[in-house]
């Protein structure tokens, strides 16, 4: 096999995507479940501020995919988060730690 053909095989596939009719949904809640064949990801908007919501969270979107696609999604999300954190700092998912950091930051900014 020629060197050029090998290099062409190593290049990632560039798919053309038409997102003209794509629906956009905001979610701040997700739930992941699975079967032996598929990954199921539910997305919703949780408008309740407590850690344990009193009312049910109404799901808005469900994405079902095979594990090959789920693994590619995991890789793409991981790379995106690494780039974001490199540019803007760590994304803290623990709400209590995030609130404590905000409080400390506000205290440091207050004039003495």
C-alpha atoms as a PDB file:
ATOM      1  CA  UNK A   1       0.000   0.000   0.000  1.00  0.00           C
ATOM      2  CA  UNK A   2       1.363   3.412  -0.897  1.00  0.00           C
ATOM      3  CA  UNK A   3       2.117   5.940   1.813  1.00  0.00           C
ATOM      4  CA  UNK A   4      -0.503   8.345   0.433  1.00  0.00           C
ATOM      5  CA  UNK A   5      -3.310   5.753   0.579  1.00  0.00           C
ATOM      6  CA  UNK A   6      -2.352   4.864   4.165  1.00  0.00           C
ATOM      7  CA  UNK A   7      -2.420   8.554   5.141  1.00  0.00           C
ATOM      8  CA  UNK A   8      -5.863   8.962   3.511  1.00  0.00           C
ATOM      9  CA  UNK A   9      -7.172   5.984   5.490  1.00  0.00           C
ATOM     10  CA  UNK A  10      -5.930   7.528   8.773  1.00  0.00           C
ATOM     11  CA  UNK A  11      -7.814  10.799   8.209  1.00  0.00           C
ATOM     12  CA  UNK A  12     -11.104  11.155  10.092  1.00  0.00           C
ATOM     13  CA  UNK A  13     -14.254  11.001   8.006  1.00  0.00           C
ATOM     14  CA  UNK A  14     -15.732  14.455   7.400  1.00  0.00           C
ATOM     15  CA  UNK A  15     -19.516  14.120   7.255  1.00  0.00           C
ATOM     16  CA  UNK A  16     -21.622  16.861   5.725  1.00  0.00           C
ATOM     17  CA  UNK A  17     -24.362  17.808   8.207  1.00  0.00           C
ATOM     18  CA  UNK A  18     -27.488  19.803   7.395  1.00  0.00           C
ATOM     19  CA  UNK A  19     -28.839  21.266  10.637  1.00  0.00           C
ATOM     20  CA  UNK A  20     -31.442  23.509   9.009  1.00  0.00           C
ATOM     21  CA  UNK A  21     -34.441  21.748  10.624  1.00  0.00           C
ATOM     22  CA  UNK A  22     -32.732  20.805  13.891  1.00  0.00           C
ATOM     23  CA  UNK A  23     -34.670  21.479  17.097  1.00  0.00           C
ATOM     24  CA  UNK A  24     -32.780  23.199  19.896  1.00  0.00           C
ATOM     25  CA  UNK A  25     -33.587  22.280  23.487  1.00  0.00           C
ATOM     26  CA  UNK A  26     -31.920  23.424  26.705  1.00  0.00           C
ATOM     27  CA  UNK A  27     -31.441  20.800  29.427  1.00  0.00           C
ATOM     28  CA  UNK A  28     -29.962  21.031  32.902  1.00  0.00           C
ATOM     29  CA  UNK A  29     -30.945  17.488  33.860  1.00  0.00           C
ATOM     30  CA  UNK A  30     -30.141  14.168  32.249  1.00  0.00           C
ATOM     31  CA  UNK A  31     -30.672  10.546  33.137  1.00  0.00           C
ATOM     32  CA  UNK A  32     -28.794   7.664  31.539  1.00  0.00           C
ATOM     33  CA  UNK A  33     -30.116   4.117  31.402  1.00  0.00           C
ATOM     34  CA  UNK A  34     -29.266   1.212  29.173  1.00  0.00           C
ATOM     35  CA  UNK A  35     -30.278  -2.137  27.799  1.00  0.00           C
ATOM     36  CA  UNK A  36     -27.761  -4.732  26.656  1.00  0.00           C
ATOM     37  CA  UNK A  37     -28.023  -3.271  23.127  1.00  0.00           C
ATOM     38  CA  UNK A  38     -28.658   0.456  23.568  1.00  0.00           C
ATOM     39  CA  UNK A  39     -27.927   3.535  25.648  1.00  0.00           C
ATOM     40  CA  UNK A  40     -30.914   5.712  26.578  1.00  0.00           C
ATOM     41  CA  UNK A  41     -30.334   9.342  27.546  1.00  0.00           C
ATOM     42  CA  UNK A  42     -33.250  11.430  28.796  1.00  0.00           C
ATOM     43  CA  UNK A  43     -33.022  15.241  28.899  1.00  0.00           C
ATOM     44  CA  UNK A  44     -35.161  17.691  30.854  1.00  0.00           C
ATOM     45  CA  UNK A  45     -35.334  21.171  32.304  1.00  0.00           C
ATOM     46  CA  UNK A  46     -35.364  21.108  36.101  1.00  0.00           C
ATOM     47  CA  UNK A  47     -36.804  24.432  37.277  1.00  0.00           C
ATOM     48  CA  UNK A  48     -36.677  23.515  40.964  1.00  0.00           C
ATOM     49  CA  UNK A  49     -33.785  24.847  43.011  1.00  0.00           C
ATOM     50  CA  UNK A  50     -33.721  22.222  45.762  1.00  0.00           C
ATOM     51  CA  UNK A  51     -31.426  19.210  45.562  1.00  0.00           C
ATOM     52  CA  UNK A  52     -34.432  16.913  45.991  1.00  0.00           C
ATOM     53  CA  UNK A  53     -37.183  18.235  43.701  1.00  0.00           C
ATOM     54  CA  UNK A  54     -40.685  18.137  45.204  1.00  0.00           C
ATOM     55  CA  UNK A  55     -42.385  17.927  41.796  1.00  0.00           C
ATOM     56  CA  UNK A  56     -41.602  15.456  39.035  1.00  0.00           C
ATOM     57  CA  UNK A  57     -39.128  16.553  36.379  1.00  0.00           C
ATOM     58  CA  UNK A  58     -40.846  16.361  33.000  1.00  0.00           C
ATOM     59  CA  UNK A  59     -38.671  14.783  30.333  1.00  0.00           C
ATOM     60  CA  UNK A  60     -38.546  16.688  27.059  1.00  0.00           C
ATOM     61  CA  UNK A  61     -36.211  14.617  24.905  1.00  0.00           C
ATOM     62  CA  UNK A  62     -34.971  11.049  24.784  1.00  0.00           C
ATOM     63  CA  UNK A  63     -32.018   9.934  22.699  1.00  0.00           C
ATOM     64  CA  UNK A  64     -31.485   6.232  22.097  1.00  0.00           C
ATOM     65  CA  UNK A  65     -28.195   5.091  20.557  1.00  0.00           C
ATOM     66  CA  UNK A  66     -26.026   2.024  20.244  1.00  0.00           C
ATOM     67  CA  UNK A  67     -22.932   1.693  22.408  1.00  0.00           C
ATOM     68  CA  UNK A  68     -20.581   2.456  19.504  1.00  0.00           C
ATOM     69  CA  UNK A  69     -22.202   5.866  19.020  1.00  0.00           C
ATOM     70  CA  UNK A  70     -22.383   6.401  22.795  1.00  0.00           C
ATOM     71  CA  UNK A  71     -18.640   5.805  23.082  1.00  0.00           C
ATOM     72  CA  UNK A  72     -17.936   8.268  20.267  1.00  0.00           C
ATOM     73  CA  UNK A  73     -20.191  10.787  22.045  1.00  0.00           C
ATOM     74  CA  UNK A  74     -18.324  10.198  25.322  1.00  0.00           C
ATOM     75  CA  UNK A  75     -15.018  10.885  23.562  1.00  0.00           C
ATOM     76  CA  UNK A  76     -16.319  14.044  21.844  1.00  0.00           C
ATOM     77  CA  UNK A  77     -17.817  15.407  25.092  1.00  0.00           C
ATOM     78  CA  UNK A  78     -14.638  14.625  27.018  1.00  0.00           C
ATOM     79  CA  UNK A  79     -12.480  16.510  24.497  1.00  0.00           C
ATOM     80  CA  UNK A  80     -14.864  19.481  24.510  1.00  0.00           C
ATOM     81  CA  UNK A  81     -14.874  19.691  28.313  1.00  0.00           C
ATOM     82  CA  UNK A  82     -11.061  19.419  28.461  1.00  0.00           C
ATOM     83  CA  UNK A  83     -10.751  22.328  26.011  1.00  0.00           C
ATOM     84  CA  UNK A  84     -13.299  24.404  27.934  1.00  0.00           C
ATOM     85  CA  UNK A  85     -11.551  23.781  31.266  1.00  0.00           C
ATOM     86  CA  UNK A  86      -8.170  24.616  29.754  1.00  0.00           C
ATOM     87  CA  UNK A  87      -9.552  27.978  28.632  1.00  0.00           C
ATOM     88  CA  UNK A  88     -11.888  28.876  31.514  1.00  0.00           C
ATOM     89  CA  UNK A  89     -11.012  26.707  34.523  1.00  0.00           C
ATOM     90  CA  UNK A  90     -12.473  23.598  36.089  1.00  0.00           C
ATOM     91  CA  UNK A  91     -16.193  22.903  35.720  1.00  0.00           C
ATOM     92  CA  UNK A  92     -17.420  22.010  39.209  1.00  0.00           C
ATOM     93  CA  UNK A  93     -20.425  19.662  39.118  1.00  0.00           C
ATOM     94  CA  UNK A  94     -20.903  19.561  42.893  1.00  0.00           C
ATOM     95  CA  UNK A  95     -23.434  22.330  43.572  1.00  0.00           C
ATOM     96  CA  UNK A  96     -22.357  22.813  47.209  1.00  0.00           C
ATOM     97  CA  UNK A  97     -18.695  23.297  46.241  1.00  0.00           C
ATOM     98  CA  UNK A  98     -19.731  25.669  43.452  1.00  0.00           C
ATOM     99  CA  UNK A  99     -21.809  27.775  45.872  1.00  0.00           C
ATOM    100  CA  UNK A 100     -18.979  27.856  48.419  1.00  0.00           C
ATOM    101  CA  UNK A 101     -16.547  29.037  45.721  1.00  0.00           C
ATOM    102  CA  UNK A 102     -19.008  31.792  44.757  1.00  0.00           C
ATOM    103  CA  UNK A 103     -19.335  32.890  48.398  1.00  0.00           C
ATOM    104  CA  UNK A 104     -15.560  33.024  48.855  1.00  0.00           C
ATOM    105  CA  UNK A 105     -15.155  34.967  45.625  1.00  0.00           C
ATOM    106  CA  UNK A 106     -17.791  37.498  46.697  1.00  0.00           C
ATOM    107  CA  UNK A 107     -16.144  37.929  50.104  1.00  0.00           C
ATOM    108  CA  UNK A 108     -12.774  38.593  48.481  1.00  0.00           C
ATOM    109  CA  UNK A 109     -14.305  41.227  46.191  1.00  0.00           C
ATOM    110  CA  UNK A 110     -16.010  43.166  48.995  1.00  0.00           C
ATOM    111  CA  UNK A 111     -14.178  46.335  50.015  1.00  0.00           C
ATOM    112  CA  UNK A 112     -12.803  46.322  53.534  1.00  0.00           C
END
